[in-house]
Amino acid sequence: MSQDNNNTKSKNAIRSREYRIKNAEKVKLYEDRRNERRRNDPIERSKKALIDKRWSENNPERKRNNNRIWKLNNPDKCRSYGIKYRSSHERVYNENQRMLSQLRRKSVINDNRDFSIIDIRAIDNYYSRICGICGLPIEFKFEVDHIIPLSRNGTHSLDNLQLTHPICNRTKHSRLQKDMKLDIVILREMLVGTDIS
């Protein structure tokens, strides 16, 4: 019985394909009218949405693949949708970004612990109090900086940490020191002229 059912389905699929090929203009006209009706009628729109939702749930791989293809073919639309979403959901977007950043950091920090004062004293430039970025002495406040940022697959270990001036650390952000040579010159001039250190 099930084999007969499968044969019938495959025959119907073949007939449908043949009809679509022979009557391409008719089919296109019908589909255009149907799509117009769905766009204008809220009930039709909700039916279509329900069908799409069910299909997406039943075919997650194909849905993901279709989305990937659409994004590759429509980068400008994709970018504008992202900008529109971020501007209308700014608070939610910022919270999501913060949460993703924390998750990334937690995945890098295996044991999820903070460095204690004893650990900080083990950092190479702790006793010399020379900023690891600009090379000037640190007089008051300091921050602990990742030499290779976590966002660039740096480790959260003592050999990847250095003491820096707060302004130097914030200027460096997620860059490598070799990428900020001009900034280092400007920071040195700023720190020599003021008491920010």
C-alpha atoms as a PDB file:
ATOM      1  CA  MET A   1       0.000   0.000   0.000  1.00  0.00           C
ATOM      2  CA  SER A   2       2.727   2.475   0.957  1.00  0.00           C
ATOM      3  CA  GLN A   3       4.675   1.655  -2.208  1.00  0.00           C
ATOM      4  CA  ASP A   4       1.585   2.460  -4.312  1.00  0.00           C
ATOM      5  CA  ASN A   5       1.255   5.722  -2.432  1.00  0.00           C
ATOM      6  CA  ASN A   6       4.913   6.600  -3.131  1.00  0.00           C
ATOM      7  CA  ASN A   7       4.497   5.749  -6.837  1.00  0.00           C
ATOM      8  CA  THR A   8       1.422   7.962  -7.039  1.00  0.00           C
ATOM      9  CA  LYS A   9       3.247  10.822  -5.330  1.00  0.00           C
ATOM     10  CA  SER A  10       6.210  10.574  -7.677  1.00  0.00           C
ATOM     11  CA  LYS A  11       3.907  10.413 -10.732  1.00  0.00           C
ATOM     12  CA  ASN A  12       2.036  13.489  -9.504  1.00  0.00           C
ATOM     13  CA  ALA A  13       5.310  15.324  -8.948  1.00  0.00           C
ATOM     14  CA  ILE A  14       6.433  14.507 -12.493  1.00  0.00           C
ATOM     15  CA  ARG A  15       3.086  15.654 -13.932  1.00  0.00           C
ATOM     16  CA  SER A  16       3.248  18.860 -11.894  1.00  0.00           C
ATOM     17  CA  ARG A  17       6.775  19.596 -13.099  1.00  0.00           C
ATOM     18  CA  GLU A  18       5.786  18.959 -16.734  1.00  0.00           C
ATOM     19  CA  TYR A  19       2.717  21.208 -16.411  1.00  0.00           C
ATOM     20  CA  ARG A  20       4.818  24.012 -14.890  1.00  0.00           C
ATOM     21  CA  ILE A  21       7.302  23.789 -17.762  1.00  0.00           C
ATOM     22  CA  LYS A  22       4.626  23.775 -20.499  1.00  0.00           C
ATOM     23  CA  ASN A  23       2.533  26.533 -18.898  1.00  0.00           C
ATOM     24  CA  ALA A  24       5.215  28.717 -17.347  1.00  0.00           C
ATOM     25  CA  GLU A  25       3.408  31.986 -18.156  1.00  0.00           C
ATOM     26  CA  LYS A  26       0.093  30.777 -16.684  1.00  0.00           C
ATOM     27  CA  VAL A  27       1.826  29.525 -13.546  1.00  0.00           C
ATOM     28  CA  LYS A  28       3.738  32.798 -13.157  1.00  0.00           C
ATOM     29  CA  LEU A  29       0.519  34.821 -13.515  1.00  0.00           C
ATOM     30  CA  TYR A  30      -1.272  32.609 -10.969  1.00  0.00           C
ATOM     31  CA  GLU A  31       1.607  32.863  -8.473  1.00  0.00           C
ATOM     32  CA  ASP A  32       1.798  36.654  -8.874  1.00  0.00           C
ATOM     33  CA  ARG A  33      -1.937  37.001  -8.181  1.00  0.00           C
ATOM     34  CA  ARG A  34      -1.713  34.635  -5.216  1.00  0.00           C
ATOM     35  CA  ASN A  35       1.240  36.544  -3.757  1.00  0.00           C
ATOM     36  CA  GLU A  36      -0.565  39.860  -4.234  1.00  0.00           C
ATOM     37  CA  ARG A  37      -3.627  38.463  -2.478  1.00  0.00           C
ATOM     38  CA  ARG A  38      -1.459  37.189   0.393  1.00  0.00           C
ATOM     39  CA  ARG A  39       0.248  40.545   0.776  1.00  0.00           C
ATOM     40  CA  ASN A  40      -3.056  42.452   0.950  1.00  0.00           C
ATOM     41  CA  ASP A  41      -5.196  40.021   2.957  1.00  0.00           C
ATOM     42  CA  PRO A  42      -4.236  39.662   6.661  1.00  0.00           C
ATOM     43  CA  ILE A  43      -5.818  36.192   6.915  1.00  0.00           C
ATOM     44  CA  GLU A  44      -3.877  34.959   3.886  1.00  0.00           C
ATOM     45  CA  ARG A  45      -0.722  36.531   5.331  1.00  0.00           C
ATOM     46  CA  SER A  46      -1.184  34.709   8.635  1.00  0.00           C
ATOM     47  CA  LYS A  47      -1.850  31.411   6.812  1.00  0.00           C
ATOM     48  CA  LYS A  48       1.333  31.889   4.782  1.00  0.00           C
ATOM     49  CA  ALA A  49       3.273  32.755   7.927  1.00  0.00           C
ATOM     50  CA  LEU A  50       2.000  29.612   9.657  1.00  0.00           C
ATOM     51  CA  ILE A  51       2.917  27.430   6.660  1.00  0.00           C
ATOM     52  CA  ASP A  52       6.376  29.037   6.502  1.00  0.00           C
ATOM     53  CA  LYS A  53       6.878  28.542  10.238  1.00  0.00           C
ATOM     54  CA  ARG A  54       5.950  24.849  10.033  1.00  0.00           C
ATOM     55  CA  TRP A  55       8.210  24.339   7.033  1.00  0.00           C
ATOM     56  CA  SER A  56      11.088  26.058   8.857  1.00  0.00           C
ATOM     57  CA  GLU A  57      10.586  23.848  11.918  1.00  0.00           C
ATOM     58  CA  ASN A  58      10.505  20.695   9.787  1.00  0.00           C
ATOM     59  CA  ASN A  59      13.458  21.678   7.573  1.00  0.00           C
ATOM     60  CA  PRO A  60      15.953  23.569   9.759  1.00  0.00           C
ATOM     61  CA  GLU A  61      18.987  22.728   7.602  1.00  0.00           C
ATOM     62  CA  ARG A  62      17.319  23.839   4.376  1.00  0.00           C
ATOM     63  CA  LYS A  63      16.024  27.001   6.071  1.00  0.00           C
ATOM     64  CA  ARG A  64      19.541  27.841   7.320  1.00  0.00           C
ATOM     65  CA  ASN A  65      20.981  27.153   3.873  1.00  0.00           C
ATOM     66  CA  ASN A  66      18.322  29.324   2.180  1.00  0.00           C
ATOM     67  CA  ASN A  67      19.043  32.158   4.632  1.00  0.00           C
ATOM     68  CA  ARG A  68      22.771  31.853   3.979  1.00  0.00           C
ATOM     69  CA  ILE A  69      22.233  32.015   0.197  1.00  0.00           C
ATOM     70  CA  TRP A  70      19.877  35.005   0.522  1.00  0.00           C
ATOM     71  CA  LYS A  71      22.411  36.885   2.684  1.00  0.00           C
ATOM     72  CA  LEU A  72      25.168  36.234   0.150  1.00  0.00           C
ATOM     73  CA  ASN A  73      22.981  37.438  -2.734  1.00  0.00           C
ATOM     74  CA  ASN A  74      21.590  40.508  -0.884  1.00  0.00           C
ATOM     75  CA  PRO A  75      24.382  42.027   1.253  1.00  0.00           C
ATOM     76  CA  ASP A  76      23.012  45.596   1.003  1.00  0.00           C
ATOM     77  CA  LYS A  77      19.511  44.596   2.128  1.00  0.00           C
ATOM     78  CA  CYS A  78      21.017  42.502   4.901  1.00  0.00           C
ATOM     79  CA  ARG A  79      23.097  45.451   6.127  1.00  0.00           C
ATOM     80  CA  SER A  80      20.140  47.865   5.996  1.00  0.00           C
ATOM     81  CA  TYR A  81      17.912  45.395   7.894  1.00  0.00           C
ATOM     82  CA  GLY A  82      20.618  45.084  10.549  1.00  0.00           C
ATOM     83  CA  ILE A  83      20.926  48.858  10.904  1.00  0.00           C
ATOM     84  CA  LYS A  84      17.149  49.233  11.090  1.00  0.00           C
ATOM     85  CA  TYR A  85      16.903  46.504  13.745  1.00  0.00           C
ATOM     86  CA  ARG A  86      19.717  47.944  15.859  1.00  0.00           C
ATOM     87  CA  SER A  87      18.206  51.443  15.792  1.00  0.00           C
ATOM     88  CA  SER A  88      14.726  50.226  16.766  1.00  0.00           C
ATOM     89  CA  HIS A  89      15.950  47.691  19.374  1.00  0.00           C
ATOM     90  CA  GLU A  90      18.974  49.540  20.699  1.00  0.00           C
ATOM     91  CA  ARG A  91      18.658  48.481  24.344  1.00  0.00           C
ATOM     92  CA  VAL A  92      18.079  44.794  23.517  1.00  0.00           C
ATOM     93  CA  TYR A  93      20.895  44.819  20.935  1.00  0.00           C
ATOM     94  CA  ASN A  94      23.365  46.336  23.428  1.00  0.00           C
ATOM     95  CA  GLU A  95      22.374  43.806  26.106  1.00  0.00           C
ATOM     96  CA  ASN A  96      22.841  40.949  23.634  1.00  0.00           C
ATOM     97  CA  GLN A  97      26.258  42.254  22.597  1.00  0.00           C
ATOM     98  CA  ARG A  98      27.296  42.581  26.253  1.00  0.00           C
ATOM     99  CA  MET A  99      26.084  39.050  26.992  1.00  0.00           C
ATOM    100  CA  LEU A 100      27.928  37.614  23.967  1.00  0.00           C
ATOM    101  CA  SER A 101      31.102  39.384  25.037  1.00  0.00           C
ATOM    102  CA  GLN A 102      30.814  37.949  28.543  1.00  0.00           C
ATOM    103  CA  LEU A 103      30.186  34.451  27.190  1.00  0.00           C
ATOM    104  CA  ARG A 104      33.230  34.766  24.928  1.00  0.00           C
ATOM    105  CA  ARG A 105      35.373  35.862  27.844  1.00  0.00           C
ATOM    106  CA  LYS A 106      34.051  33.041  30.044  1.00  0.00           C
ATOM    107  CA  SER A 107      34.859  30.489  27.370  1.00  0.00           C
ATOM    108  CA  VAL A 108      38.433  31.821  27.224  1.00  0.00           C
ATOM    109  CA  ILE A 109      38.802  31.941  31.021  1.00  0.00           C
ATOM    110  CA  ASN A 110      38.539  28.245  31.762  1.00  0.00           C
ATOM    111  CA  ASP A 111      38.194  28.400  35.528  1.00  0.00           C
ATOM    112  CA  ASN A 112      36.104  31.638  35.563  1.00  0.00           C
ATOM    113  CA  ARG A 113      38.110  33.255  38.365  1.00  0.00           C
ATOM    114  CA  ASP A 114      39.394  36.788  38.842  1.00  0.00           C
ATOM    115  CA  PHE A 115      43.065  37.491  39.434  1.00  0.00           C
ATOM    116  CA  SER A 116      43.795  38.178  43.090  1.00  0.00           C
ATOM    117  CA  ILE A 117      46.335  40.756  44.328  1.00  0.00           C
ATOM    118  CA  ILE A 118      48.944  37.990  44.643  1.00  0.00           C
ATOM    119  CA  ASP A 119      48.479  37.046  40.998  1.00  0.00           C
ATOM    120  CA  ILE A 120      48.734  40.684  39.895  1.00  0.00           C
ATOM    121  CA  ARG A 121      52.087  40.967  41.650  1.00  0.00           C
ATOM    122  CA  ALA A 122      53.324  38.135  39.441  1.00  0.00           C
ATOM    123  CA  ILE A 123      52.824  40.241  36.291  1.00  0.00           C
ATOM    124  CA  ASP A 124      56.192  41.130  34.728  1.00  0.00           C
ATOM    125  CA  ASN A 125      55.999  44.921  35.014  1.00  0.00           C
ATOM    126  CA  TYR A 126      54.219  45.110  38.411  1.00  0.00           C
ATOM    127  CA  TYR A 127      57.248  46.214  40.452  1.00  0.00           C
ATOM    128  CA  SER A 128      58.859  48.364  37.778  1.00  0.00           C
ATOM    129  CA  ARG A 129      55.511  50.215  37.272  1.00  0.00           C
ATOM    130  CA  ILE A 130      56.326  50.972  33.631  1.00  0.00           C
ATOM    131  CA  CYS A 131      53.293  51.082  31.315  1.00  0.00           C
ATOM    132  CA  GLY A 132      53.377  48.129  28.936  1.00  0.00           C
ATOM    133  CA  ILE A 133      51.979  50.250  26.080  1.00  0.00           C
ATOM    134  CA  CYS A 134      53.579  53.714  26.186  1.00  0.00           C
ATOM    135  CA  GLY A 135      56.667  52.873  28.270  1.00  0.00           C
ATOM    136  CA  LEU A 136      56.213  55.763  30.756  1.00  0.00           C
ATOM    137  CA  PRO A 137      56.158  55.240  34.552  1.00  0.00           C
ATOM    138  CA  ILE A 138      52.803  54.542  36.216  1.00  0.00           C
ATOM    139  CA  GLU A 139      52.397  56.784  39.269  1.00  0.00           C
ATOM    140  CA  PHE A 140      48.856  56.209  40.540  1.00  0.00           C
ATOM    141  CA  LYS A 141      46.062  54.233  38.886  1.00  0.00           C
ATOM    142  CA  PHE A 142      46.761  51.309  36.604  1.00  0.00           C
ATOM    143  CA  GLU A 143      44.779  48.744  34.650  1.00  0.00           C
ATOM    144  CA  VAL A 144      45.627  45.178  33.743  1.00  0.00           C
ATOM    145  CA  ASP A 145      45.736  44.710  29.965  1.00  0.00           C
ATOM    146  CA  HIS A 146      45.814  41.585  27.806  1.00  0.00           C
ATOM    147  CA  ILE A 147      48.857  41.928  25.533  1.00  0.00           C
ATOM    148  CA  ILE A 148      47.106  39.816  22.882  1.00  0.00           C
ATOM    149  CA  PRO A 149      43.399  40.674  23.357  1.00  0.00           C
ATOM    150  CA  LEU A 150      40.925  37.913  24.171  1.00  0.00           C
ATOM    151  CA  SER A 151      39.022  38.863  21.012  1.00  0.00           C
ATOM    152  CA  ARG A 152      42.120  37.867  19.021  1.00  0.00           C
ATOM    153  CA  ASN A 153      42.423  34.491  20.753  1.00  0.00           C
ATOM    154  CA  GLY A 154      44.786  35.717  23.470  1.00  0.00           C
ATOM    155  CA  THR A 155      44.932  33.749  26.717  1.00  0.00           C
ATOM    156  CA  HIS A 156      43.857  34.900  30.168  1.00  0.00           C
ATOM    157  CA  SER A 157      47.157  33.963  31.768  1.00  0.00           C
ATOM    158  CA  LEU A 158      49.902  35.871  33.579  1.00  0.00           C
ATOM    159  CA  ASP A 159      52.306  35.801  30.635  1.00  0.00           C
ATOM    160  CA  ASN A 160      49.688  37.643  28.519  1.00  0.00           C
ATOM    161  CA  LEU A 161      49.013  40.396  31.087  1.00  0.00           C
ATOM    162  CA  GLN A 162      50.695  43.764  31.614  1.00  0.00           C
ATOM    163  CA  LEU A 163      50.050  46.877  33.693  1.00  0.00           C
ATOM    164  CA  THR A 164      49.091  50.001  31.766  1.00  0.00           C
ATOM    165  CA  HIS A 165      47.800  53.516  32.290  1.00  0.00           C
ATOM    166  CA  PRO A 166      43.972  53.525  32.103  1.00  0.00           C
ATOM    167  CA  ILE A 167      44.034  55.852  29.075  1.00  0.00           C
ATOM    168  CA  CYS A 168      46.585  53.667  27.267  1.00  0.00           C
ATOM    169  CA  ASN A 169      44.525  50.526  27.870  1.00  0.00           C
ATOM    170  CA  ARG A 170      41.339  52.161  26.630  1.00  0.00           C
ATOM    171  CA  THR A 171      43.063  53.572  23.564  1.00  0.00           C
ATOM    172  CA  LYS A 172      44.492  50.153  22.727  1.00  0.00           C
ATOM    173  CA  HIS A 173      41.046  48.501  23.050  1.00  0.00           C
ATOM    174  CA  SER A 174      41.212  45.220  21.109  1.00  0.00           C
ATOM    175  CA  ARG A 175      44.195  46.025  18.910  1.00  0.00           C
ATOM    176  CA  LEU A 176      47.711  44.675  19.057  1.00  0.00           C
ATOM    177  CA  GLN A 177      50.450  47.075  20.142  1.00  0.00           C
ATOM    178  CA  LYS A 178      52.182  46.863  16.769  1.00  0.00           C
ATOM    179  CA  ASP A 179      48.982  48.245  15.155  1.00  0.00           C
ATOM    180  CA  MET A 180      48.989  51.431  17.235  1.00  0.00           C
ATOM    181  CA  LYS A 181      52.438  52.997  16.786  1.00  0.00           C
ATOM    182  CA  LEU A 182      51.091  56.512  16.044  1.00  0.00           C
ATOM    183  CA  ASP A 183      48.705  56.319  19.001  1.00  0.00           C
ATOM    184  CA  ILE A 184      51.602  55.459  21.321  1.00  0.00           C
ATOM    185  CA  VAL A 185      53.434  58.661  20.293  1.00  0.00           C
ATOM    186  CA  ILE A 186      50.286  60.730  20.959  1.00  0.00           C
ATOM    187  CA  LEU A 187      49.712  58.995  24.319  1.00  0.00           C
ATOM    188  CA  ARG A 188      53.300  59.714  25.412  1.00  0.00           C
ATOM    189  CA  GLU A 189      52.881  63.402  24.566  1.00  0.00           C
ATOM    190  CA  MET A 190      49.584  63.533  26.476  1.00  0.00           C
ATOM    191  CA  LEU A 191      50.911  61.754  29.554  1.00  0.00           C
ATOM    192  CA  VAL A 192      54.100  63.819  29.773  1.00  0.00           C
ATOM    193  CA  GLY A 193      52.080  67.056  29.611  1.00  0.00           C
ATOM    194  CA  THR A 194      49.409  66.081  32.189  1.00  0.00           C
ATOM    195  CA  ASP A 195      48.997  64.202  35.460  1.00  0.00           C
ATOM    196  CA  ILE A 196      46.760  61.438  34.041  1.00  0.00           C
ATOM    197  CA  SER A 197      49.186  58.673  34.954  1.00  0.00           C
END
